[in-house]
Amino acid sequence: MKRILTIAMVGIAALFCIAIVTVYLSIGSVITTSVEKYGSAITQTAVTLRDADFSPSSGDASLLDLSVANPAGFSAKTALLAPRIEIQIDPQTVGEGVMVIKRMEIEAPEITYEINQSGDNLRALRAQIGEAVAAEKQGSFPDDKAGSPTKFIINDLYISNGVVVVEAEGLTGKRTTAIMKNVHLEDVGRDENGLAPAALVDKLYAPILQAVTIAALSTDLNLSDQALNILRAASDETEEAISRLRELLEN
């Protein structure tokens, strides 16, 4: 039997960009508290950050040990972990209506992709983020800040050396791992002249899921065990991914 792998549904970048929302406000514990508060509000799960550092003069920030818990209904403790995130902010845009993130690097994140009978954890997380986007459009998120939220543009976002931990009843041992292809996104939010926090998180989801789905469908998948889950996961991805799935099913 072929070695069983499954699709790594990656929402990493979207979730990490929660950190951008408040990183310019202060340093240390204030950043940590803000990331945890607003990150948890956007994802509707527990978001924690061990430590943070920010230099107002250079715009350089470091976030350490970011963790995003799984949505309700899934057994794994976390959906993703990131040991270190480096962010370079344009200092001249701090406090402006649109803040420019010149560069963001997420090194060696670990993502848990859990499949159960109702779906997968990262899709459930995306649906919860969608609720925050809807509230943001209505002007009710965040609910404790007056005025319009700061918007963001990301010039370059890099995600490298990511590891995906797949958990599903159909997998031998119920757990396996896969290496995620590196991701580079450019000019996120530029066409919109900046994206509000929840909208930014949501915007980053689609291209990452597309790239990872296509890569996973090219691997040694045992579709007899995972076909229904893959179909569900790929249903809103690119036509290329869906065509690739059809080819595999016909072989």
C-alpha atoms as a PDB file:
ATOM      1  CA  MET A   1       0.000   0.000   0.000  1.00  0.00           C
ATOM      2  CA  LYS A   2       1.269   3.427  -0.810  1.00  0.00           C
ATOM      3  CA  ARG A   3       2.398   5.630   2.017  1.00  0.00           C
ATOM      4  CA  ILE A   4      -0.603   7.708   3.066  1.00  0.00           C
ATOM      5  CA  LEU A   5      -0.339  11.459   3.013  1.00  0.00           C
ATOM      6  CA  THR A   6      -3.081  14.042   2.973  1.00  0.00           C
ATOM      7  CA  ILE A   7      -3.560  17.685   2.119  1.00  0.00           C
ATOM      8  CA  ALA A   8      -1.903  20.202   4.435  1.00  0.00           C
ATOM      9  CA  MET A   9      -4.530  22.890   4.754  1.00  0.00           C
ATOM     10  CA  VAL A  10      -2.428  25.821   5.770  1.00  0.00           C
ATOM     11  CA  GLY A  11      -3.785  28.958   7.345  1.00  0.00           C
ATOM     12  CA  ILE A  12      -0.515  29.902   8.873  1.00  0.00           C
ATOM     13  CA  ALA A  13       0.177  33.219   7.313  1.00  0.00           C
ATOM     14  CA  ALA A  14      -3.325  34.447   7.903  1.00  0.00           C
ATOM     15  CA  LEU A  15      -3.125  33.653  11.572  1.00  0.00           C
ATOM     16  CA  PHE A  16       0.359  35.029  12.046  1.00  0.00           C
ATOM     17  CA  CYS A  17      -0.697  38.352  10.591  1.00  0.00           C
ATOM     18  CA  ILE A  18      -2.855  38.813  13.659  1.00  0.00           C
ATOM     19  CA  ALA A  19       0.416  39.870  15.245  1.00  0.00           C
ATOM     20  CA  ILE A  20       0.691  42.791  12.843  1.00  0.00           C
ATOM     21  CA  VAL A  21      -2.568  44.281  14.053  1.00  0.00           C
ATOM     22  CA  THR A  22      -1.111  45.613  17.302  1.00  0.00           C
ATOM     23  CA  VAL A  23       2.650  45.092  17.161  1.00  0.00           C
ATOM     24  CA  TYR A  24       3.332  48.812  16.682  1.00  0.00           C
ATOM     25  CA  LEU A  25       1.371  49.897  19.739  1.00  0.00           C
ATOM     26  CA  SER A  26       4.008  49.195  22.359  1.00  0.00           C
ATOM     27  CA  ILE A  27       6.631  46.662  23.364  1.00  0.00           C
ATOM     28  CA  GLY A  28       6.954  43.493  25.396  1.00  0.00           C
ATOM     29  CA  SER A  29       3.992  42.487  27.497  1.00  0.00           C
ATOM     30  CA  VAL A  30       1.642  45.026  25.877  1.00  0.00           C
ATOM     31  CA  ILE A  31       2.249  43.514  22.434  1.00  0.00           C
ATOM     32  CA  THR A  32       1.819  40.028  23.847  1.00  0.00           C
ATOM     33  CA  THR A  33      -1.472  40.931  25.510  1.00  0.00           C
ATOM     34  CA  SER A  34      -2.774  42.651  22.381  1.00  0.00           C
ATOM     35  CA  VAL A  35      -1.859  39.792  20.043  1.00  0.00           C
ATOM     36  CA  GLU A  36      -3.539  37.290  22.344  1.00  0.00           C
ATOM     37  CA  LYS A  37      -6.663  39.402  22.764  1.00  0.00           C
ATOM     38  CA  TYR A  38      -7.328  40.339  19.140  1.00  0.00           C
ATOM     39  CA  GLY A  39      -5.947  37.099  17.739  1.00  0.00           C
ATOM     40  CA  SER A  40      -8.382  35.143  19.883  1.00  0.00           C
ATOM     41  CA  ALA A  41     -11.229  37.427  18.806  1.00  0.00           C
ATOM     42  CA  ILE A  42     -10.490  36.950  15.085  1.00  0.00           C
ATOM     43  CA  THR A  43      -9.990  33.177  15.189  1.00  0.00           C
ATOM     44  CA  GLN A  44     -12.466  32.420  18.028  1.00  0.00           C
ATOM     45  CA  THR A  45      -9.815  30.144  19.532  1.00  0.00           C
ATOM     46  CA  ALA A  46      -7.125  30.694  22.163  1.00  0.00           C
ATOM     47  CA  VAL A  47      -4.105  32.543  20.738  1.00  0.00           C
ATOM     48  CA  THR A  48      -0.996  32.798  22.933  1.00  0.00           C
ATOM     49  CA  LEU A  49       2.401  34.447  22.494  1.00  0.00           C
ATOM     50  CA  ARG A  50       5.348  33.796  24.809  1.00  0.00           C
ATOM     51  CA  ASP A  51       7.232  37.028  24.159  1.00  0.00           C
ATOM     52  CA  ALA A  52       7.623  39.947  21.748  1.00  0.00           C
ATOM     53  CA  ASP A  53      10.093  42.713  21.011  1.00  0.00           C
ATOM     54  CA  PHE A  54       9.741  45.845  18.874  1.00  0.00           C
ATOM     55  CA  SER A  55      12.048  48.731  17.935  1.00  0.00           C
ATOM     56  CA  PRO A  56      10.065  51.894  17.070  1.00  0.00           C
ATOM     57  CA  SER A  57      13.112  53.478  15.405  1.00  0.00           C
ATOM     58  CA  SER A  58      13.858  50.634  12.980  1.00  0.00           C
ATOM     59  CA  GLY A  59      10.404  49.057  12.767  1.00  0.00           C
ATOM     60  CA  ASP A  60      11.844  45.594  13.430  1.00  0.00           C
ATOM     61  CA  ALA A  61       9.772  43.191  15.526  1.00  0.00           C
ATOM     62  CA  SER A  62      10.209  39.615  16.754  1.00  0.00           C
ATOM     63  CA  LEU A  63       7.398  37.364  17.984  1.00  0.00           C
ATOM     64  CA  LEU A  64       8.291  34.199  19.894  1.00  0.00           C
ATOM     65  CA  ASP A  65       6.279  30.984  20.240  1.00  0.00           C
ATOM     66  CA  LEU A  66       2.946  31.962  18.756  1.00  0.00           C
ATOM     67  CA  SER A  67       0.287  29.294  19.278  1.00  0.00           C
ATOM     68  CA  VAL A  68      -3.242  29.064  17.868  1.00  0.00           C
ATOM     69  CA  ALA A  69      -5.553  26.496  19.439  1.00  0.00           C
ATOM     70  CA  ASN A  70      -7.780  24.167  17.443  1.00  0.00           C
ATOM     71  CA  PRO A  71     -11.450  25.065  16.932  1.00  0.00           C
ATOM     72  CA  ALA A  72     -14.047  23.284  19.049  1.00  0.00           C
ATOM     73  CA  GLY A  73     -14.827  19.752  17.933  1.00  0.00           C
ATOM     74  CA  PHE A  74     -11.232  18.717  17.179  1.00  0.00           C
ATOM     75  CA  SER A  75      -8.990  16.710  19.479  1.00  0.00           C
ATOM     76  CA  ALA A  76      -5.530  18.120  18.727  1.00  0.00           C
ATOM     77  CA  LYS A  77      -4.495  20.820  21.191  1.00  0.00           C
ATOM     78  CA  THR A  78      -3.198  23.316  18.632  1.00  0.00           C
ATOM     79  CA  ALA A  79      -3.800  24.135  14.997  1.00  0.00           C
ATOM     80  CA  LEU A  80      -0.428  25.805  14.582  1.00  0.00           C
ATOM     81  CA  LEU A  81       2.768  26.789  16.341  1.00  0.00           C
ATOM     82  CA  ALA A  82       5.440  29.250  15.216  1.00  0.00           C
ATOM     83  CA  PRO A  83       8.706  29.431  17.167  1.00  0.00           C
ATOM     84  CA  ARG A  84       9.790  32.746  15.648  1.00  0.00           C
ATOM     85  CA  ILE A  85       8.328  35.437  13.381  1.00  0.00           C
ATOM     86  CA  GLU A  86      10.379  38.377  12.137  1.00  0.00           C
ATOM     87  CA  ILE A  87       8.533  41.503  10.957  1.00  0.00           C
ATOM     88  CA  GLN A  88       9.958  44.663   9.375  1.00  0.00           C
ATOM     89  CA  ILE A  89       7.548  47.595   9.484  1.00  0.00           C
ATOM     90  CA  ASP A  90       8.017  50.871   7.601  1.00  0.00           C
ATOM     91  CA  PRO A  91       8.442  53.264  10.583  1.00  0.00           C
ATOM     92  CA  GLN A  92       7.068  56.188   8.581  1.00  0.00           C
ATOM     93  CA  THR A  93       3.693  54.448   8.316  1.00  0.00           C
ATOM     94  CA  VAL A  94       3.341  53.685  12.040  1.00  0.00           C
ATOM     95  CA  GLY A  95       0.195  55.322  13.372  1.00  0.00           C
ATOM     96  CA  GLU A  96      -1.065  56.099   9.862  1.00  0.00           C
ATOM     97  CA  GLY A  97      -4.319  54.871   8.395  1.00  0.00           C
ATOM     98  CA  VAL A  98      -2.453  52.307   6.272  1.00  0.00           C
ATOM     99  CA  MET A  99       0.615  50.611   7.753  1.00  0.00           C
ATOM    100  CA  VAL A 100       3.165  49.034   5.408  1.00  0.00           C
ATOM    101  CA  ILE A 101       4.839  45.778   6.427  1.00  0.00           C
ATOM    102  CA  LYS A 102       7.968  45.676   4.300  1.00  0.00           C
ATOM    103  CA  ARG A 103       8.869  42.070   5.097  1.00  0.00           C
ATOM    104  CA  MET A 104       7.530  39.246   7.237  1.00  0.00           C
ATOM    105  CA  GLU A 105       9.320  35.925   7.732  1.00  0.00           C
ATOM    106  CA  ILE A 106       7.783  32.864   9.412  1.00  0.00           C
ATOM    107  CA  GLU A 107      10.393  30.168   9.961  1.00  0.00           C
ATOM    108  CA  ALA A 108       9.686  26.482  10.675  1.00  0.00           C
ATOM    109  CA  PRO A 109       6.011  26.636  11.686  1.00  0.00           C
ATOM    110  CA  GLU A 110       4.238  23.428  12.692  1.00  0.00           C
ATOM    111  CA  ILE A 111       0.662  23.047  11.458  1.00  0.00           C
ATOM    112  CA  THR A 112      -1.761  20.372  12.571  1.00  0.00           C
ATOM    113  CA  TYR A 113      -4.263  19.319   9.921  1.00  0.00           C
ATOM    114  CA  GLU A 114      -6.926  17.202  11.593  1.00  0.00           C
ATOM    115  CA  ILE A 115      -9.653  15.384   9.684  1.00  0.00           C
ATOM    116  CA  ASN A 116     -12.803  14.052  11.320  1.00  0.00           C
ATOM    117  CA  GLN A 117     -16.238  13.086  10.088  1.00  0.00           C
ATOM    118  CA  SER A 118     -17.461  16.684  10.014  1.00  0.00           C
ATOM    119  CA  GLY A 119     -14.538  18.163   8.070  1.00  0.00           C
ATOM    120  CA  ASP A 120     -11.091  19.521   8.940  1.00  0.00           C
ATOM    121  CA  ASN A 121      -9.818  21.917  11.578  1.00  0.00           C
ATOM    122  CA  LEU A 122      -8.255  24.519   9.309  1.00  0.00           C
ATOM    123  CA  ARG A 123     -11.450  24.898   7.281  1.00  0.00           C
ATOM    124  CA  ALA A 124     -13.392  25.312  10.515  1.00  0.00           C
ATOM    125  CA  LEU A 125     -10.898  27.962  11.584  1.00  0.00           C
ATOM    126  CA  ARG A 126     -11.315  29.767   8.284  1.00  0.00           C
ATOM    127  CA  ALA A 127     -15.090  29.856   8.749  1.00  0.00           C
ATOM    128  CA  GLN A 128     -14.637  31.472  12.156  1.00  0.00           C
ATOM    129  CA  ILE A 129     -12.313  34.086  10.683  1.00  0.00           C
ATOM    130  CA  GLY A 130     -15.022  34.782   8.101  1.00  0.00           C
ATOM    131  CA  GLU A 131     -17.384  35.726  10.917  1.00  0.00           C
ATOM    132  CA  ALA A 132     -14.844  38.304  12.142  1.00  0.00           C
ATOM    133  CA  VAL A 133     -14.587  39.714   8.614  1.00  0.00           C
ATOM    134  CA  ALA A 134     -18.362  40.161   8.479  1.00  0.00           C
ATOM    135  CA  ALA A 135     -18.355  41.918  11.851  1.00  0.00           C
ATOM    136  CA  GLU A 136     -15.469  44.124  10.727  1.00  0.00           C
ATOM    137  CA  LYS A 137     -17.386  45.231   7.619  1.00  0.00           C
ATOM    138  CA  GLN A 138     -20.303  46.213   9.843  1.00  0.00           C
ATOM    139  CA  GLY A 139     -17.989  48.260  12.040  1.00  0.00           C
ATOM    140  CA  SER A 140     -18.497  46.059  15.096  1.00  0.00           C
ATOM    141  CA  PHE A 141     -15.011  44.518  15.269  1.00  0.00           C
ATOM    142  CA  PRO A 142     -13.053  45.064  17.347  1.00  0.00           C
ATOM    143  CA  ASP A 143     -15.821  46.082  19.693  1.00  0.00           C
ATOM    144  CA  ASP A 144     -13.696  48.039  22.181  1.00  0.00           C
ATOM    145  CA  LYS A 145     -11.967  50.496  19.817  1.00  0.00           C
ATOM    146  CA  ALA A 146     -13.510  53.649  18.418  1.00  0.00           C
ATOM    147  CA  GLY A 147     -13.050  54.730  14.819  1.00  0.00           C
ATOM    148  CA  SER A 148     -11.854  52.859  11.767  1.00  0.00           C
ATOM    149  CA  PRO A 149      -9.246  50.116  12.286  1.00  0.00           C
ATOM    150  CA  THR A 150      -5.725  50.498  10.917  1.00  0.00           C
ATOM    151  CA  LYS A 151      -5.294  48.871   7.511  1.00  0.00           C
ATOM    152  CA  PHE A 152      -2.240  46.936   6.337  1.00  0.00           C
ATOM    153  CA  ILE A 153      -0.180  46.217   3.235  1.00  0.00           C
ATOM    154  CA  ILE A 154       2.436  43.442   3.217  1.00  0.00           C
ATOM    155  CA  ASN A 155       5.141  43.890   0.596  1.00  0.00           C
ATOM    156  CA  ASP A 156       6.686  40.430   1.051  1.00  0.00           C
ATOM    157  CA  LEU A 157       5.614  37.484   3.197  1.00  0.00           C
ATOM    158  CA  TYR A 158       7.801  34.358   3.443  1.00  0.00           C
ATOM    159  CA  ILE A 159       6.894  31.043   5.075  1.00  0.00           C
ATOM    160  CA  SER A 160       9.704  28.494   5.059  1.00  0.00           C
ATOM    161  CA  ASN A 161      10.537  25.019   6.398  1.00  0.00           C
ATOM    162  CA  GLY A 162       6.993  24.363   7.577  1.00  0.00           C
ATOM    163  CA  VAL A 163       6.004  20.950   8.916  1.00  0.00           C
ATOM    164  CA  VAL A 164       2.461  19.632   8.618  1.00  0.00           C
ATOM    165  CA  VAL A 165       1.197  17.086  11.149  1.00  0.00           C
ATOM    166  CA  VAL A 166      -1.754  15.176   9.728  1.00  0.00           C
ATOM    167  CA  GLU A 167      -4.178  13.454  12.087  1.00  0.00           C
ATOM    168  CA  ALA A 168      -7.022  11.293  10.770  1.00  0.00           C
ATOM    169  CA  GLU A 169      -8.665   7.983  11.568  1.00  0.00           C
ATOM    170  CA  GLY A 170      -7.880   6.667   8.089  1.00  0.00           C
ATOM    171  CA  LEU A 171      -4.131   7.094   8.497  1.00  0.00           C
ATOM    172  CA  THR A 172      -1.915   4.263   9.706  1.00  0.00           C
ATOM    173  CA  GLY A 173      -1.179   5.116  13.325  1.00  0.00           C
ATOM    174  CA  LYS A 174      -3.660   8.014  12.967  1.00  0.00           C
ATOM    175  CA  ARG A 175      -0.785  10.498  12.516  1.00  0.00           C
ATOM    176  CA  THR A 176       1.794  11.350   9.844  1.00  0.00           C
ATOM    177  CA  THR A 177       3.880  14.352   8.805  1.00  0.00           C
ATOM    178  CA  ALA A 178       4.684  16.148   5.561  1.00  0.00           C
ATOM    179  CA  ILE A 179       6.976  19.011   4.580  1.00  0.00           C
ATOM    180  CA  MET A 180       5.221  22.123   3.343  1.00  0.00           C
ATOM    181  CA  LYS A 181       6.545  23.918   0.286  1.00  0.00           C
ATOM    182  CA  ASN A 182       7.911  27.395   0.955  1.00  0.00           C
ATOM    183  CA  VAL A 183       5.474  30.229   0.291  1.00  0.00           C
ATOM    184  CA  HIS A 184       6.150  33.790  -0.908  1.00  0.00           C
ATOM    185  CA  LEU A 185       3.326  36.313  -1.230  1.00  0.00           C
ATOM    186  CA  GLU A 186       3.785  39.851  -2.567  1.00  0.00           C
ATOM    187  CA  ASP A 187       1.856  43.116  -2.265  1.00  0.00           C
ATOM    188  CA  VAL A 188      -0.940  41.734  -0.110  1.00  0.00           C
ATOM    189  CA  GLY A 189      -3.608  44.422   0.302  1.00  0.00           C
ATOM    190  CA  ARG A 190      -2.022  46.869  -2.139  1.00  0.00           C
ATOM    191  CA  ASP A 191      -4.858  46.767  -4.674  1.00  0.00           C
ATOM    192  CA  GLU A 192      -7.332  47.502  -1.870  1.00  0.00           C
ATOM    193  CA  ASN A 193      -5.143  50.337  -0.494  1.00  0.00           C
ATOM    194  CA  GLY A 194      -4.800  48.346   2.699  1.00  0.00           C
ATOM    195  CA  LEU A 195      -6.823  45.660   4.431  1.00  0.00           C
ATOM    196  CA  ALA A 196      -8.347  45.793   7.897  1.00  0.00           C
ATOM    197  CA  PRO A 197      -7.064  43.092  10.315  1.00  0.00           C
ATOM    198  CA  ALA A 198      -9.688  40.376   9.870  1.00  0.00           C
ATOM    199  CA  ALA A 199      -9.882  41.018   6.116  1.00  0.00           C
ATOM    200  CA  LEU A 200      -6.093  40.679   5.897  1.00  0.00           C
ATOM    201  CA  VAL A 201      -6.204  37.345   7.697  1.00  0.00           C
ATOM    202  CA  ASP A 202      -8.920  36.099   5.350  1.00  0.00           C
ATOM    203  CA  LYS A 203      -7.156  37.401   2.230  1.00  0.00           C
ATOM    204  CA  LEU A 204      -4.039  35.366   2.987  1.00  0.00           C
ATOM    205  CA  TYR A 205      -5.902  32.097   3.384  1.00  0.00           C
ATOM    206  CA  ALA A 206      -6.905  31.431  -0.230  1.00  0.00           C
ATOM    207  CA  PRO A 207      -3.542  31.543  -2.075  1.00  0.00           C
ATOM    208  CA  ILE A 208      -1.820  29.482   0.598  1.00  0.00           C
ATOM    209  CA  LEU A 209      -4.516  26.826   0.573  1.00  0.00           C
ATOM    210  CA  GLN A 210      -4.358  26.718  -3.217  1.00  0.00           C
ATOM    211  CA  ALA A 211      -0.594  26.219  -3.320  1.00  0.00           C
ATOM    212  CA  VAL A 212      -0.557  23.588  -0.607  1.00  0.00           C
ATOM    213  CA  THR A 213      -3.507  21.673  -2.076  1.00  0.00           C
ATOM    214  CA  ILE A 214      -1.823  21.411  -5.479  1.00  0.00           C
ATOM    215  CA  ALA A 215       1.438  20.264  -3.887  1.00  0.00           C
ATOM    216  CA  ALA A 216      -0.288  17.666  -1.711  1.00  0.00           C
ATOM    217  CA  LEU A 217      -2.286  16.252  -4.626  1.00  0.00           C
ATOM    218  CA  SER A 218       0.989  15.595  -6.439  1.00  0.00           C
ATOM    219  CA  THR A 219       2.255  13.353  -3.640  1.00  0.00           C
ATOM    220  CA  ASP A 220       1.756   9.659  -2.902  1.00  0.00           C
ATOM    221  CA  LEU A 221      -1.835   9.927  -1.676  1.00  0.00           C
ATOM    222  CA  ASN A 222      -3.980   6.879  -0.989  1.00  0.00           C
ATOM    223  CA  LEU A 223      -7.231   8.312  -2.249  1.00  0.00           C
ATOM    224  CA  SER A 224      -9.213   5.200  -1.420  1.00  0.00           C
ATOM    225  CA  ASP A 225      -8.886   6.213   2.241  1.00  0.00           C
ATOM    226  CA  GLN A 226      -9.010  10.011   1.959  1.00  0.00           C
ATOM    227  CA  ALA A 227     -10.872  10.853  -1.276  1.00  0.00           C
ATOM    228  CA  LEU A 228     -13.970  12.281   0.352  1.00  0.00           C
ATOM    229  CA  ASN A 229     -11.939  14.511   2.668  1.00  0.00           C
ATOM    230  CA  ILE A 230      -9.789  15.726  -0.217  1.00  0.00           C
ATOM    231  CA  LEU A 231     -12.848  16.494  -2.317  1.00  0.00           C
ATOM    232  CA  ARG A 232     -14.294  18.528   0.516  1.00  0.00           C
ATOM    233  CA  ALA A 233     -11.033  20.383   1.067  1.00  0.00           C
ATOM    234  CA  ALA A 234     -10.353  21.040  -2.610  1.00  0.00           C
ATOM    235  CA  SER A 235     -13.859  22.182  -3.491  1.00  0.00           C
ATOM    236  CA  ASP A 236     -13.051  25.882  -3.117  1.00  0.00           C
ATOM    237  CA  GLU A 237      -9.489  25.748  -4.417  1.00  0.00           C
ATOM    238  CA  THR A 238      -8.098  26.373  -7.890  1.00  0.00           C
ATOM    239  CA  GLU A 239      -9.352  24.627 -10.999  1.00  0.00           C
ATOM    240  CA  GLU A 240      -5.842  23.240 -11.357  1.00  0.00           C
ATOM    241  CA  ALA A 241      -6.116  21.470  -8.011  1.00  0.00           C
ATOM    242  CA  ILE A 242      -9.535  20.054  -8.824  1.00  0.00           C
ATOM    243  CA  SER A 243      -8.307  18.846 -12.230  1.00  0.00           C
ATOM    244  CA  ARG A 244      -5.352  17.168 -10.564  1.00  0.00           C
ATOM    245  CA  LEU A 245      -7.698  15.433  -8.124  1.00  0.00           C
ATOM    246  CA  ARG A 246      -9.839  14.136 -10.964  1.00  0.00           C
ATOM    247  CA  GLU A 247      -6.751  12.730 -12.713  1.00  0.00           C
ATOM    248  CA  LEU A 248      -5.726  10.859  -9.565  1.00  0.00           C
ATOM    249  CA  LEU A 249      -9.191   9.446  -9.032  1.00  0.00           C
ATOM    250  CA  GLU A 250      -9.278   8.147 -12.607  1.00  0.00           C
ATOM    251  CA  ASN A 251      -5.912   6.355 -12.302  1.00  0.00           C
END
